[in-house]
Structure formats: C-alpha cells, structure tokens
Amino acid sequence: MAMTPEAKVKAKIKKILDAHDVYHFSPFQAGMGRAGIPDIIACFKSHFIGIEAKAGDNKPTLLQERELDKIRRNGGHAIVVNEDNLDTLEFLIKHLSGDK
C-alpha cells in the first residue's frame, strides 16, 4: 500500500525524532480521543512538543490551531511541519538540547 503524502511527512518527522532519541508517539484516533490533537506528541529534555504534520500547502484546521495554541499557552512547543520545513523541527531539538 502506498503512503499518503502526509504519511511520508510523518515518517520523516519520526526519523528525526528517533535520531535525537526524543520520546514520541502518535495518538490513536478512533472516536474515543479528542479531535484536533497533534499528530505526534513528543517529550524532550522536559519539554512537551506537539507536532502537526501536513503535506504540501495543507494548513491545520481551526480545531487543530486551537489545540496547538492551547499547548503554547501552557508552556509547551507546538509546530506544524511539512516536507519544506523539516529543518524547523531540527532547529527546535537543537535549541532544546542546548546546541546553538
């Protein structure tokens, strides 16, 4: 089965997280969870990170934006990552690890 463009972005995100030994998981969405939560939840160096994966020009929905904003308001990091800005995730991890 071929991967969707968004699934390819998620795979690249997970590869980056694994390379930096970042704890992460993808919440199971089967009607029992809360809508709009990020695709990937991570924790690194005591920092909570919510990652919304998008492909191409796709943007987060209003509900997803609300969840990302709620994470930020509570001191967490929340980013939207697509195939063109994977370096943003790398930058965040390096920043949180103290590498400048």
C-alpha atoms as a PDB file:
ATOM      1  CA  MET A   1       0.000   0.000   0.000  1.00  0.00           C
ATOM      2  CA  ALA A   2       1.392   3.394  -0.990  1.00  0.00           C
ATOM      3  CA  MET A   3       1.962   6.020   1.670  1.00  0.00           C
ATOM      4  CA  THR A   4      -0.031   9.237   1.519  1.00  0.00           C
ATOM      5  CA  PRO A   5       1.954  12.486   1.244  1.00  0.00           C
ATOM      6  CA  GLU A   6       1.138  13.268   4.894  1.00  0.00           C
ATOM      7  CA  ALA A   7       2.236   9.785   5.980  1.00  0.00           C
ATOM      8  CA  LYS A   8       5.580  10.425   4.265  1.00  0.00           C
ATOM      9  CA  VAL A   9       5.977  13.659   6.257  1.00  0.00           C
ATOM     10  CA  LYS A  10       5.118  11.829   9.481  1.00  0.00           C
ATOM     11  CA  ALA A  11       7.729   9.161   8.687  1.00  0.00           C
ATOM     12  CA  LYS A  12      10.382  11.843   8.153  1.00  0.00           C
ATOM     13  CA  ILE A  13       9.412  13.558  11.410  1.00  0.00           C
ATOM     14  CA  LYS A  14       9.674  10.277  13.315  1.00  0.00           C
ATOM     15  CA  LYS A  15      13.065   9.571  11.751  1.00  0.00           C
ATOM     16  CA  ILE A  16      14.348  12.951  13.003  1.00  0.00           C
ATOM     17  CA  LEU A  17      12.904  12.370  16.472  1.00  0.00           C
ATOM     18  CA  ASP A  18      14.412   8.887  16.657  1.00  0.00           C
ATOM     19  CA  ALA A  19      17.810  10.187  15.548  1.00  0.00           C
ATOM     20  CA  HIS A  20      17.805  12.547  18.551  1.00  0.00           C
ATOM     21  CA  ASP A  21      16.389   9.953  20.985  1.00  0.00           C
ATOM     22  CA  VAL A  22      13.222  12.017  21.502  1.00  0.00           C
ATOM     23  CA  TYR A  23      10.329  10.236  23.222  1.00  0.00           C
ATOM     24  CA  HIS A  24       7.291  10.372  20.930  1.00  0.00           C
ATOM     25  CA  PHE A  25       4.058   8.670  19.989  1.00  0.00           C
ATOM     26  CA  SER A  26       1.123   9.139  17.652  1.00  0.00           C
ATOM     27  CA  PRO A  27      -2.220   9.332  19.487  1.00  0.00           C
ATOM     28  CA  PHE A  28      -4.734   6.709  18.400  1.00  0.00           C
ATOM     29  CA  GLN A  29      -7.746   8.392  16.808  1.00  0.00           C
ATOM     30  CA  ALA A  30     -10.686   6.005  16.838  1.00  0.00           C
ATOM     31  CA  GLY A  31     -13.595   8.042  18.078  1.00  0.00           C
ATOM     32  CA  MET A  32     -12.521   7.773  21.718  1.00  0.00           C
ATOM     33  CA  GLY A  33      -9.907  10.539  21.644  1.00  0.00           C
ATOM     34  CA  ARG A  34     -10.230  14.296  21.447  1.00  0.00           C
ATOM     35  CA  ALA A  35     -10.460  15.838  17.988  1.00  0.00           C
ATOM     36  CA  GLY A  36      -7.793  18.247  16.827  1.00  0.00           C
ATOM     37  CA  ILE A  37      -4.876  16.967  18.882  1.00  0.00           C
ATOM     38  CA  PRO A  38      -1.482  16.983  17.128  1.00  0.00           C
ATOM     39  CA  ASP A  39      -0.399  14.022  15.018  1.00  0.00           C
ATOM     40  CA  ILE A  40       2.710  13.414  17.110  1.00  0.00           C
ATOM     41  CA  ILE A  41       3.235  14.062  20.812  1.00  0.00           C
ATOM     42  CA  ALA A  42       6.839  14.262  21.992  1.00  0.00           C
ATOM     43  CA  CYS A  43       8.839  14.971  25.117  1.00  0.00           C
ATOM     44  CA  PHE A  44      12.477  16.049  25.010  1.00  0.00           C
ATOM     45  CA  LYS A  45      14.626  17.389  27.845  1.00  0.00           C
ATOM     46  CA  SER A  46      11.488  18.029  29.952  1.00  0.00           C
ATOM     47  CA  HIS A  47       9.781  19.914  27.112  1.00  0.00           C
ATOM     48  CA  PHE A  48       6.360  18.961  25.761  1.00  0.00           C
ATOM     49  CA  ILE A  49       6.139  19.137  21.961  1.00  0.00           C
ATOM     50  CA  GLY A  50       3.013  18.813  19.812  1.00  0.00           C
ATOM     51  CA  ILE A  51       3.670  18.280  16.103  1.00  0.00           C
ATOM     52  CA  GLU A  52       1.016  18.644  13.437  1.00  0.00           C
ATOM     53  CA  ALA A  53       2.119  17.055  10.139  1.00  0.00           C
ATOM     54  CA  LYS A  54       0.862  18.475   6.864  1.00  0.00           C
ATOM     55  CA  ALA A  55       1.712  17.787   3.249  1.00  0.00           C
ATOM     56  CA  GLY A  56       2.160  20.422   0.573  1.00  0.00           C
ATOM     57  CA  ASP A  57       0.159  23.594   1.105  1.00  0.00           C
ATOM     58  CA  ASN A  58      -2.294  21.994   3.550  1.00  0.00           C
ATOM     59  CA  LYS A  59      -2.899  24.030   6.695  1.00  0.00           C
ATOM     60  CA  PRO A  60      -4.159  22.988  10.135  1.00  0.00           C
ATOM     61  CA  THR A  61      -7.894  23.175  10.684  1.00  0.00           C
ATOM     62  CA  LEU A  62      -9.274  25.739  13.129  1.00  0.00           C
ATOM     63  CA  LEU A  63      -9.709  22.971  15.698  1.00  0.00           C
ATOM     64  CA  GLN A  64      -6.083  21.878  15.235  1.00  0.00           C
ATOM     65  CA  GLU A  65      -4.913  25.504  15.528  1.00  0.00           C
ATOM     66  CA  ARG A  66      -6.872  25.845  18.779  1.00  0.00           C
ATOM     67  CA  GLU A  67      -5.148  22.765  20.219  1.00  0.00           C
ATOM     68  CA  LEU A  68      -1.705  23.994  19.129  1.00  0.00           C
ATOM     69  CA  ASP A  69      -2.404  27.395  20.695  1.00  0.00           C
ATOM     70  CA  LYS A  70      -3.522  25.732  23.933  1.00  0.00           C
ATOM     71  CA  ILE A  71      -0.221  23.824  24.073  1.00  0.00           C
ATOM     72  CA  ARG A  72       1.726  27.064  23.563  1.00  0.00           C
ATOM     73  CA  ARG A  73      -0.294  28.924  26.205  1.00  0.00           C
ATOM     74  CA  ASN A  74       0.601  26.196  28.688  1.00  0.00           C
ATOM     75  CA  GLY A  75       4.334  26.432  28.057  1.00  0.00           C
ATOM     76  CA  GLY A  76       4.695  23.658  25.503  1.00  0.00           C
ATOM     77  CA  HIS A  77       6.082  23.788  21.988  1.00  0.00           C
ATOM     78  CA  ALA A  78       3.652  23.315  19.109  1.00  0.00           C
ATOM     79  CA  ILE A  79       4.737  23.296  15.483  1.00  0.00           C
ATOM     80  CA  VAL A  80       3.317  22.495  12.075  1.00  0.00           C
ATOM     81  CA  VAL A  81       5.756  20.534   9.921  1.00  0.00           C
ATOM     82  CA  ASN A  82       5.606  19.762   6.222  1.00  0.00           C
ATOM     83  CA  GLU A  83       8.150  18.479   3.737  1.00  0.00           C
ATOM     84  CA  ASP A  84       9.520  22.006   3.202  1.00  0.00           C
ATOM     85  CA  ASN A  85      10.228  22.932   6.823  1.00  0.00           C
ATOM     86  CA  LEU A  86      11.601  19.782   8.460  1.00  0.00           C
ATOM     87  CA  ASP A  87      14.603  21.918   9.421  1.00  0.00           C
ATOM     88  CA  THR A  88      12.298  23.764  11.857  1.00  0.00           C
ATOM     89  CA  LEU A  89      11.973  20.554  13.863  1.00  0.00           C
ATOM     90  CA  GLU A  90      15.747  20.014  13.746  1.00  0.00           C
ATOM     91  CA  PHE A  91      16.273  23.600  14.939  1.00  0.00           C
ATOM     92  CA  LEU A  92      13.822  23.164  17.827  1.00  0.00           C
ATOM     93  CA  ILE A  93      15.510  19.948  19.001  1.00  0.00           C
ATOM     94  CA  LYS A  94      18.969  21.510  18.817  1.00  0.00           C
ATOM     95  CA  HIS A  95      17.699  24.575  20.699  1.00  0.00           C
ATOM     96  CA  LEU A  96      16.132  22.458  23.446  1.00  0.00           C
ATOM     97  CA  SER A  97      19.278  20.344  23.776  1.00  0.00           C
ATOM     98  CA  GLY A  98      21.391  23.462  24.272  1.00  0.00           C
ATOM     99  CA  ASP A  99      23.168  23.177  20.927  1.00  0.00           C
ATOM    100  CA  LYS A 100      23.304  26.583  19.321  1.00  0.00           C
END
